[in-house]
Amino acid sequence: MKQNKLWFVKGLRDGIPIALGYLAVAFTLGIAARNVGLTAFQAAFMSITNVTSAGEFAALGLIASGAAYVEMAVMQLIINLRYCLMSCTLSQKLDSKLPFIHRLFVAYGVTDEIFGISASVDGKLNPFYSYGAICVAVPGWTLGTYLGVVLGNVMPDRILSAMSVALYGMFIAIIIPPSRKDKVIAGLIVISMAASSLFTYIPVLRDISAGFRIIILTVVIAGVAAILFPVKSECEPKNQEELKKTG
C-alpha cells in the first residue's frame, strides 16, 4: 500500500508538465469545438472520454461536414490505432498477476505523453504511477477544452498560436532524457524522424493516413530494434527486505 502511494505521488509529479501542455493545446481544441456548435459541456465530455488530440480534431471536422456516425467511428479507429500498440507495450511492463481492472484503467489513460513517461519507468510498471499521471493530465485536457469554448474568442491570435505548439515542446522534453542516456534510443529517434519525413513527402507514402503511418513506423522500427538490440531482463528486489536478503 505504501509503495502504491509513493508511485501515485510520483505519477502526479511527473504528470504536471503534461497537464500544463494539455491545458494549452486543449484550449485551441475548445475554440474549434465552439466553431462547430458544441457547448462547453459537450466539448469537455468529448475530451474526458476520448483524451486524444488528433482524434478529437478530426471528429470536429467530420461534425462540421455533417458526416455519418459510421464514418466518424472508422476515422477514429484508424487515427487511434497506435494506442493499441502502446497499450500492448505497457501490458508487458505490468505484473502478469495484476487484475484485469488495473489494465483497463491504465489503458484508458494511454496517450503519447503518458505512454512516454510510463514506458520510461525502470523495471515493472506500477499501475498507480500511471493513475497519478492520469489524475492530473486528463483534468488538464478536459479543463483546457472547456475554457477554450468559454474564453477562446477573447484571446489574441498570437497567444493562441503559441499555445498550439506547446504539446510538441512537451513531447520533446519527454524523449530527450532517455536519448541522452542511451545511444541506441537516440539513434532510433533520429531514424524515426527521418522515416516520418519520407512518409510525409514521398507521393505514394504520403497518401497513407496518419494513424496507419504511425503504426507502420512503430512496428517496423521497434521490431528491428528489438531484434538487433534486445533488452536484457532485470531481476529487481520488490522491497527493502528482499534487498537486505540479497545483500
C-alpha atoms as a PDB file:
ATOM      1  CA  MET A   1       0.000   0.000   0.000  1.00  0.00           C
ATOM      2  CA  LYS A   2       2.822   2.383   0.890  1.00  0.00           C
ATOM      3  CA  GLN A   3       4.598   1.622  -2.384  1.00  0.00           C
ATOM      4  CA  ASN A   4       1.398   2.311  -4.319  1.00  0.00           C
ATOM      5  CA  LYS A   5       1.074   5.694  -2.620  1.00  0.00           C
ATOM      6  CA  LEU A   6       4.664   6.606  -3.433  1.00  0.00           C
ATOM      7  CA  TRP A   7       4.213   5.618  -7.072  1.00  0.00           C
ATOM      8  CA  PHE A   8       0.945   7.551  -7.262  1.00  0.00           C
ATOM      9  CA  VAL A   9       2.603  10.715  -5.934  1.00  0.00           C
ATOM     10  CA  LYS A  10       5.469  10.280  -8.382  1.00  0.00           C
ATOM     11  CA  GLY A  11       2.959   9.928 -11.208  1.00  0.00           C
ATOM     12  CA  LEU A  12       1.216  13.114 -10.087  1.00  0.00           C
ATOM     13  CA  ARG A  13       4.506  14.989 -10.077  1.00  0.00           C
ATOM     14  CA  ASP A  14       5.593  13.713 -13.489  1.00  0.00           C
ATOM     15  CA  GLY A  15       2.132  14.397 -14.890  1.00  0.00           C
ATOM     16  CA  ILE A  16       2.096  18.101 -14.001  1.00  0.00           C
ATOM     17  CA  PRO A  17       4.125  19.216 -17.075  1.00  0.00           C
ATOM     18  CA  ILE A  18       1.862  17.057 -19.237  1.00  0.00           C
ATOM     19  CA  ALA A  19      -1.237  18.631 -17.699  1.00  0.00           C
ATOM     20  CA  LEU A  20       0.083  22.135 -18.384  1.00  0.00           C
ATOM     21  CA  GLY A  21       0.796  21.237 -22.001  1.00  0.00           C
ATOM     22  CA  TYR A  22      -2.617  19.639 -22.367  1.00  0.00           C
ATOM     23  CA  LEU A  23      -4.280  22.709 -20.885  1.00  0.00           C
ATOM     24  CA  ALA A  24      -2.728  24.908 -23.560  1.00  0.00           C
ATOM     25  CA  VAL A  25      -3.378  22.617 -26.527  1.00  0.00           C
ATOM     26  CA  ALA A  26      -6.912  21.717 -25.433  1.00  0.00           C
ATOM     27  CA  PHE A  27      -7.715  25.417 -25.296  1.00  0.00           C
ATOM     28  CA  THR A  28      -7.289  25.502 -29.075  1.00  0.00           C
ATOM     29  CA  LEU A  29      -9.424  22.363 -29.329  1.00  0.00           C
ATOM     30  CA  GLY A  30     -12.157  24.107 -27.351  1.00  0.00           C
ATOM     31  CA  ILE A  31     -12.148  27.013 -29.802  1.00  0.00           C
ATOM     32  CA  ALA A  32     -12.543  24.582 -32.702  1.00  0.00           C
ATOM     33  CA  ALA A  33     -15.373  22.825 -30.844  1.00  0.00           C
ATOM     34  CA  ARG A  34     -17.189  26.107 -30.325  1.00  0.00           C
ATOM     35  CA  ASN A  35     -16.849  26.934 -34.013  1.00  0.00           C
ATOM     36  CA  VAL A  36     -18.736  23.770 -34.977  1.00  0.00           C
ATOM     37  CA  GLY A  37     -21.515  24.447 -32.496  1.00  0.00           C
ATOM     38  CA  LEU A  38     -20.583  22.344 -29.459  1.00  0.00           C
ATOM     39  CA  THR A  39     -21.364  23.654 -25.992  1.00  0.00           C
ATOM     40  CA  ALA A  40     -18.717  23.812 -23.274  1.00  0.00           C
ATOM     41  CA  PHE A  41     -20.184  20.730 -21.576  1.00  0.00           C
ATOM     42  CA  GLN A  42     -20.308  18.735 -24.812  1.00  0.00           C
ATOM     43  CA  ALA A  43     -16.722  19.614 -25.690  1.00  0.00           C
ATOM     44  CA  ALA A  44     -15.460  18.799 -22.191  1.00  0.00           C
ATOM     45  CA  PHE A  45     -17.342  15.482 -22.188  1.00  0.00           C
ATOM     46  CA  MET A  46     -15.750  14.632 -25.537  1.00  0.00           C
ATOM     47  CA  SER A  47     -12.298  15.321 -24.117  1.00  0.00           C
ATOM     48  CA  ILE A  48     -12.670  13.373 -20.885  1.00  0.00           C
ATOM     49  CA  THR A  49     -13.995  10.303 -22.716  1.00  0.00           C
ATOM     50  CA  ASN A  50     -11.547  10.382 -25.649  1.00  0.00           C
ATOM     51  CA  VAL A  51      -8.318  12.058 -24.487  1.00  0.00           C
ATOM     52  CA  THR A  52      -6.867  12.227 -27.989  1.00  0.00           C
ATOM     53  CA  SER A  53      -5.907  15.427 -29.763  1.00  0.00           C
ATOM     54  CA  ALA A  54      -5.709  14.086 -33.326  1.00  0.00           C
ATOM     55  CA  GLY A  55      -8.894  12.071 -32.943  1.00  0.00           C
ATOM     56  CA  GLU A  56     -10.899  14.937 -31.477  1.00  0.00           C
ATOM     57  CA  PHE A  57      -9.726  17.483 -34.039  1.00  0.00           C
ATOM     58  CA  ALA A  58     -10.624  15.025 -36.798  1.00  0.00           C
ATOM     59  CA  ALA A  59     -14.016  14.420 -35.186  1.00  0.00           C
ATOM     60  CA  LEU A  60     -14.748  18.143 -35.144  1.00  0.00           C
ATOM     61  CA  GLY A  61     -14.019  18.326 -38.858  1.00  0.00           C
ATOM     62  CA  LEU A  62     -16.415  15.464 -39.519  1.00  0.00           C
ATOM     63  CA  ILE A  63     -19.068  17.052 -37.320  1.00  0.00           C
ATOM     64  CA  ALA A  64     -18.744  20.291 -39.263  1.00  0.00           C
ATOM     65  CA  SER A  65     -19.180  18.432 -42.558  1.00  0.00           C
ATOM     66  CA  GLY A  66     -22.230  16.513 -41.300  1.00  0.00           C
ATOM     67  CA  ALA A  67     -20.551  13.104 -41.674  1.00  0.00           C
ATOM     68  CA  ALA A  68     -22.334   9.904 -40.662  1.00  0.00           C
ATOM     69  CA  TYR A  69     -21.627   8.164 -37.361  1.00  0.00           C
ATOM     70  CA  VAL A  70     -20.130   5.187 -39.180  1.00  0.00           C
ATOM     71  CA  GLU A  71     -17.638   7.393 -40.986  1.00  0.00           C
ATOM     72  CA  MET A  72     -16.668   9.050 -37.710  1.00  0.00           C
ATOM     73  CA  ALA A  73     -16.202   5.684 -35.992  1.00  0.00           C
ATOM     74  CA  VAL A  74     -13.967   4.357 -38.776  1.00  0.00           C
ATOM     75  CA  MET A  75     -11.919   7.550 -38.778  1.00  0.00           C
ATOM     76  CA  GLN A  76     -11.376   7.334 -35.017  1.00  0.00           C
ATOM     77  CA  LEU A  77     -10.364   3.687 -35.311  1.00  0.00           C
ATOM     78  CA  ILE A  78      -7.736   4.484 -37.932  1.00  0.00           C
ATOM     79  CA  ILE A  79      -6.349   7.578 -36.225  1.00  0.00           C
ATOM     80  CA  ASN A  80      -6.119   5.978 -32.773  1.00  0.00           C
ATOM     81  CA  LEU A  81      -4.829   2.535 -33.728  1.00  0.00           C
ATOM     82  CA  ARG A  82      -1.398   3.472 -32.389  1.00  0.00           C
ATOM     83  CA  TYR A  83      -2.794   3.398 -28.858  1.00  0.00           C
ATOM     84  CA  CYS A  84      -3.351  -0.341 -29.252  1.00  0.00           C
ATOM     85  CA  LEU A  85       0.380  -0.780 -29.774  1.00  0.00           C
ATOM     86  CA  MET A  86       1.164   1.462 -26.821  1.00  0.00           C
ATOM     87  CA  SER A  87      -1.223  -0.493 -24.610  1.00  0.00           C
ATOM     88  CA  CYS A  88       0.366  -3.777 -25.671  1.00  0.00           C
ATOM     89  CA  THR A  89       3.779  -2.389 -24.787  1.00  0.00           C
ATOM     90  CA  LEU A  90       2.662  -1.227 -21.352  1.00  0.00           C
ATOM     91  CA  SER A  91       0.926  -4.534 -20.684  1.00  0.00           C
ATOM     92  CA  GLN A  92       4.326  -6.216 -20.929  1.00  0.00           C
ATOM     93  CA  LYS A  93       5.651  -3.915 -18.214  1.00  0.00           C
ATOM     94  CA  LEU A  94       2.800  -4.727 -15.835  1.00  0.00           C
ATOM     95  CA  ASP A  95       2.919  -7.645 -13.427  1.00  0.00           C
ATOM     96  CA  SER A  96       1.407 -10.736 -15.043  1.00  0.00           C
ATOM     97  CA  LYS A  97      -0.670 -11.324 -11.881  1.00  0.00           C
ATOM     98  CA  LEU A  98      -2.196  -7.836 -11.978  1.00  0.00           C
ATOM     99  CA  PRO A  99      -6.040  -7.929 -12.078  1.00  0.00           C
ATOM    100  CA  PHE A 100      -7.707  -7.025 -15.358  1.00  0.00           C
ATOM    101  CA  ILE A 101      -9.374  -3.938 -13.872  1.00  0.00           C
ATOM    102  CA  HIS A 102      -5.979  -2.284 -13.408  1.00  0.00           C
ATOM    103  CA  ARG A 103      -5.063  -2.950 -17.035  1.00  0.00           C
ATOM    104  CA  LEU A 104      -8.377  -1.430 -18.075  1.00  0.00           C
ATOM    105  CA  PHE A 105      -7.778   1.773 -16.104  1.00  0.00           C
ATOM    106  CA  VAL A 106      -4.197   2.100 -17.364  1.00  0.00           C
ATOM    107  CA  ALA A 107      -5.412   1.658 -20.954  1.00  0.00           C
ATOM    108  CA  TYR A 108      -7.911   4.492 -20.534  1.00  0.00           C
ATOM    109  CA  GLY A 109      -5.120   6.986 -19.914  1.00  0.00           C
ATOM    110  CA  VAL A 110      -2.768   5.869 -22.679  1.00  0.00           C
ATOM    111  CA  THR A 111      -1.733   8.971 -24.613  1.00  0.00           C
ATOM    112  CA  ASP A 112       1.544   9.706 -26.376  1.00  0.00           C
ATOM    113  CA  GLU A 113       2.894  11.625 -23.389  1.00  0.00           C
ATOM    114  CA  ILE A 114       1.615   9.388 -20.576  1.00  0.00           C
ATOM    115  CA  PHE A 115       2.863   6.378 -22.511  1.00  0.00           C
ATOM    116  CA  GLY A 116       6.253   8.077 -22.814  1.00  0.00           C
ATOM    117  CA  ILE A 117       6.752   8.517 -19.076  1.00  0.00           C
ATOM    118  CA  SER A 118       5.176   5.147 -18.202  1.00  0.00           C
ATOM    119  CA  ALA A 119       7.354   3.243 -20.656  1.00  0.00           C
ATOM    120  CA  SER A 120      10.450   5.002 -19.267  1.00  0.00           C
ATOM    121  CA  VAL A 121       9.918   3.592 -15.766  1.00  0.00           C
ATOM    122  CA  ASP A 122      12.714   1.200 -14.863  1.00  0.00           C
ATOM    123  CA  GLY A 123      11.620  -2.388 -14.343  1.00  0.00           C
ATOM    124  CA  LYS A 124       7.973  -3.271 -13.845  1.00  0.00           C
ATOM    125  CA  LEU A 125       5.347  -0.549 -14.103  1.00  0.00           C
ATOM    126  CA  ASN A 126       3.249   0.045 -11.016  1.00  0.00           C
ATOM    127  CA  PRO A 127      -0.252   0.974 -12.281  1.00  0.00           C
ATOM    128  CA  PHE A 128      -0.550   3.632  -9.584  1.00  0.00           C
ATOM    129  CA  TYR A 129       2.190   5.588 -11.330  1.00  0.00           C
ATOM    130  CA  SER A 130       0.004   5.797 -14.432  1.00  0.00           C
ATOM    131  CA  TYR A 131      -3.013   6.605 -12.256  1.00  0.00           C
ATOM    132  CA  GLY A 132      -1.169   9.567 -10.784  1.00  0.00           C
ATOM    133  CA  ALA A 133      -0.254  10.914 -14.204  1.00  0.00           C
ATOM    134  CA  ILE A 134      -3.794  10.334 -15.475  1.00  0.00           C
ATOM    135  CA  CYS A 135      -5.383  12.074 -12.482  1.00  0.00           C
ATOM    136  CA  VAL A 136      -3.582  15.320 -13.262  1.00  0.00           C
ATOM    137  CA  ALA A 137      -3.211  15.124 -17.059  1.00  0.00           C
ATOM    138  CA  VAL A 138      -6.786  14.231 -18.043  1.00  0.00           C
ATOM    139  CA  PRO A 139      -8.353  17.050 -15.961  1.00  0.00           C
ATOM    140  CA  GLY A 140      -5.885  19.428 -17.604  1.00  0.00           C
ATOM    141  CA  TRP A 141      -7.015  18.281 -21.042  1.00  0.00           C
ATOM    142  CA  THR A 142     -10.699  18.479 -20.104  1.00  0.00           C
ATOM    143  CA  LEU A 143     -10.450  21.857 -18.397  1.00  0.00           C
ATOM    144  CA  GLY A 144      -8.492  23.285 -21.316  1.00  0.00           C
ATOM    145  CA  THR A 145     -11.225  22.218 -23.725  1.00  0.00           C
ATOM    146  CA  TYR A 146     -13.918  23.732 -21.519  1.00  0.00           C
ATOM    147  CA  LEU A 147     -12.076  27.037 -21.188  1.00  0.00           C
ATOM    148  CA  GLY A 148     -11.413  27.106 -24.915  1.00  0.00           C
ATOM    149  CA  VAL A 149     -15.146  27.079 -25.607  1.00  0.00           C
ATOM    150  CA  VAL A 150     -15.913  29.687 -22.958  1.00  0.00           C
ATOM    151  CA  LEU A 151     -12.978  32.100 -23.377  1.00  0.00           C
ATOM    152  CA  GLY A 152     -11.440  31.289 -26.748  1.00  0.00           C
ATOM    153  CA  ASN A 153     -12.859  34.165 -28.729  1.00  0.00           C
ATOM    154  CA  VAL A 154     -11.429  36.799 -26.388  1.00  0.00           C
ATOM    155  CA  MET A 155      -7.795  35.602 -26.609  1.00  0.00           C
ATOM    156  CA  PRO A 156      -5.332  37.298 -29.032  1.00  0.00           C
ATOM    157  CA  ASP A 157      -4.348  35.248 -32.095  1.00  0.00           C
ATOM    158  CA  ARG A 158      -0.648  35.340 -31.189  1.00  0.00           C
ATOM    159  CA  ILE A 159      -1.261  33.707 -27.825  1.00  0.00           C
ATOM    160  CA  LEU A 160      -3.419  31.010 -29.404  1.00  0.00           C
ATOM    161  CA  SER A 161      -0.709  30.249 -31.969  1.00  0.00           C
ATOM    162  CA  ALA A 162       1.904  29.951 -29.227  1.00  0.00           C
ATOM    163  CA  MET A 163      -0.287  27.640 -27.187  1.00  0.00           C
ATOM    164  CA  SER A 164      -0.866  25.319 -30.147  1.00  0.00           C
ATOM    165  CA  VAL A 165       2.797  24.229 -30.251  1.00  0.00           C
ATOM    166  CA  ALA A 166       3.109  23.580 -26.505  1.00  0.00           C
ATOM    167  CA  LEU A 167       2.316  19.881 -26.849  1.00  0.00           C
ATOM    168  CA  TYR A 168       5.197  19.316 -29.281  1.00  0.00           C
ATOM    169  CA  GLY A 169       7.658  21.005 -26.935  1.00  0.00           C
ATOM    170  CA  MET A 170       6.430  18.860 -24.069  1.00  0.00           C
ATOM    171  CA  PHE A 171       6.838  15.663 -26.073  1.00  0.00           C
ATOM    172  CA  ILE A 172      10.415  16.635 -26.954  1.00  0.00           C
ATOM    173  CA  ALA A 173      11.083  17.123 -23.243  1.00  0.00           C
ATOM    174  CA  ILE A 174       9.944  13.533 -22.673  1.00  0.00           C
ATOM    175  CA  ILE A 175      12.182  11.858 -25.256  1.00  0.00           C
ATOM    176  CA  ILE A 176      15.372  13.886 -24.706  1.00  0.00           C
ATOM    177  CA  PRO A 177      16.399  12.487 -21.254  1.00  0.00           C
ATOM    178  CA  PRO A 178      16.349   8.771 -22.238  1.00  0.00           C
ATOM    179  CA  SER A 179      18.063   9.550 -25.556  1.00  0.00           C
ATOM    180  CA  ARG A 180      20.938  11.210 -23.710  1.00  0.00           C
ATOM    181  CA  LYS A 181      21.437   8.093 -21.586  1.00  0.00           C
ATOM    182  CA  ASP A 182      21.218   5.538 -24.398  1.00  0.00           C
ATOM    183  CA  LYS A 183      22.812   5.952 -27.832  1.00  0.00           C
ATOM    184  CA  VAL A 184      20.543   3.260 -29.267  1.00  0.00           C
ATOM    185  CA  ILE A 185      17.424   5.225 -28.283  1.00  0.00           C
ATOM    186  CA  ALA A 186      18.944   8.414 -29.683  1.00  0.00           C
ATOM    187  CA  GLY A 187      19.656   6.672 -32.979  1.00  0.00           C
ATOM    188  CA  LEU A 188      16.149   5.237 -33.160  1.00  0.00           C
ATOM    189  CA  ILE A 189      14.659   8.687 -32.585  1.00  0.00           C
ATOM    190  CA  VAL A 190      16.687  10.107 -35.483  1.00  0.00           C
ATOM    191  CA  ILE A 191      15.709   7.197 -37.712  1.00  0.00           C
ATOM    192  CA  SER A 192      12.052   7.608 -36.743  1.00  0.00           C
ATOM    193  CA  MET A 193      12.124  11.306 -37.616  1.00  0.00           C
ATOM    194  CA  ALA A 194      13.768  10.621 -40.970  1.00  0.00           C
ATOM    195  CA  ALA A 195      11.307   7.835 -41.803  1.00  0.00           C
ATOM    196  CA  SER A 196       8.371  10.011 -40.812  1.00  0.00           C
ATOM    197  CA  SER A 197       9.642  12.728 -43.156  1.00  0.00           C
ATOM    198  CA  LEU A 198       9.757  10.203 -46.010  1.00  0.00           C
ATOM    199  CA  PHE A 199       6.137   9.265 -45.325  1.00  0.00           C
ATOM    200  CA  THR A 200       5.251  12.936 -45.420  1.00  0.00           C
ATOM    201  CA  TYR A 201       6.879  13.897 -48.730  1.00  0.00           C
ATOM    202  CA  ILE A 202       7.072  10.764 -50.910  1.00  0.00           C
ATOM    203  CA  PRO A 203       3.977  10.770 -53.180  1.00  0.00           C
ATOM    204  CA  VAL A 204       2.750   7.217 -52.549  1.00  0.00           C
ATOM    205  CA  LEU A 205       3.578   7.080 -48.847  1.00  0.00           C
ATOM    206  CA  ARG A 206       2.065  10.431 -48.005  1.00  0.00           C
ATOM    207  CA  ASP A 207      -1.369   9.154 -49.039  1.00  0.00           C
ATOM    208  CA  ILE A 208      -1.334   6.748 -46.077  1.00  0.00           C
ATOM    209  CA  SER A 209      -3.434   8.010 -43.156  1.00  0.00           C
ATOM    210  CA  ALA A 210      -1.671   9.390 -40.071  1.00  0.00           C
ATOM    211  CA  GLY A 211      -2.862   6.509 -37.896  1.00  0.00           C
ATOM    212  CA  PHE A 212      -1.592   3.758 -40.205  1.00  0.00           C
ATOM    213  CA  ARG A 213       1.606   5.728 -40.822  1.00  0.00           C
ATOM    214  CA  ILE A 214       2.451   5.721 -37.119  1.00  0.00           C
ATOM    215  CA  ILE A 215       1.596   2.034 -36.792  1.00  0.00           C
ATOM    216  CA  ILE A 216       3.812   1.042 -39.737  1.00  0.00           C
ATOM    217  CA  LEU A 217       6.754   3.061 -38.458  1.00  0.00           C
ATOM    218  CA  THR A 218       6.319   1.801 -34.905  1.00  0.00           C
ATOM    219  CA  VAL A 219       6.092  -1.871 -35.845  1.00  0.00           C
ATOM    220  CA  VAL A 220       8.995  -1.791 -38.309  1.00  0.00           C
ATOM    221  CA  ILE A 221      11.425   0.363 -36.316  1.00  0.00           C
ATOM    222  CA  ALA A 222      10.596  -1.138 -32.924  1.00  0.00           C
ATOM    223  CA  GLY A 223      10.681  -4.664 -34.371  1.00  0.00           C
ATOM    224  CA  VAL A 224      14.104  -4.213 -35.968  1.00  0.00           C
ATOM    225  CA  ALA A 225      15.428  -2.574 -32.797  1.00  0.00           C
ATOM    226  CA  ALA A 226      14.101  -5.436 -30.656  1.00  0.00           C
ATOM    227  CA  ILE A 227      15.958  -7.953 -32.836  1.00  0.00           C
ATOM    228  CA  LEU A 228      19.216  -6.035 -33.110  1.00  0.00           C
ATOM    229  CA  PHE A 229      19.304  -4.557 -29.612  1.00  0.00           C
ATOM    230  CA  PRO A 230      17.377  -6.866 -27.255  1.00  0.00           C
ATOM    231  CA  VAL A 231      16.828  -5.581 -23.713  1.00  0.00           C
ATOM    232  CA  LYS A 232      18.125  -7.884 -21.018  1.00  0.00           C
ATOM    233  CA  SER A 233      15.632  -8.690 -18.287  1.00  0.00           C
ATOM    234  CA  GLU A 234      16.480  -7.439 -14.835  1.00  0.00           C
ATOM    235  CA  CYS A 235      15.530  -9.058 -11.564  1.00  0.00           C
ATOM    236  CA  GLU A 236      14.781  -6.295  -9.076  1.00  0.00           C
ATOM    237  CA  PRO A 237      14.091  -6.743  -5.350  1.00  0.00           C
ATOM    238  CA  LYS A 238      10.468  -5.978  -4.636  1.00  0.00           C
ATOM    239  CA  ASN A 239      11.110  -4.366  -1.286  1.00  0.00           C
ATOM    240  CA  GLN A 240      13.778  -3.497   1.243  1.00  0.00           C
ATOM    241  CA  GLU A 241      13.519  -6.907   2.948  1.00  0.00           C
ATOM    242  CA  GLU A 242      14.493  -8.719  -0.233  1.00  0.00           C
ATOM    243  CA  LEU A 243      17.221  -6.170  -0.808  1.00  0.00           C
ATOM    244  CA  LYS A 244      18.737  -6.982   2.586  1.00  0.00           C
ATOM    245  CA  LYS A 245      18.484 -10.730   1.926  1.00  0.00           C
ATOM    246  CA  THR A 246      20.249 -10.496  -1.409  1.00  0.00           C
ATOM    247  CA  GLY A 247      22.865  -8.215   0.126  1.00  0.00           C
END
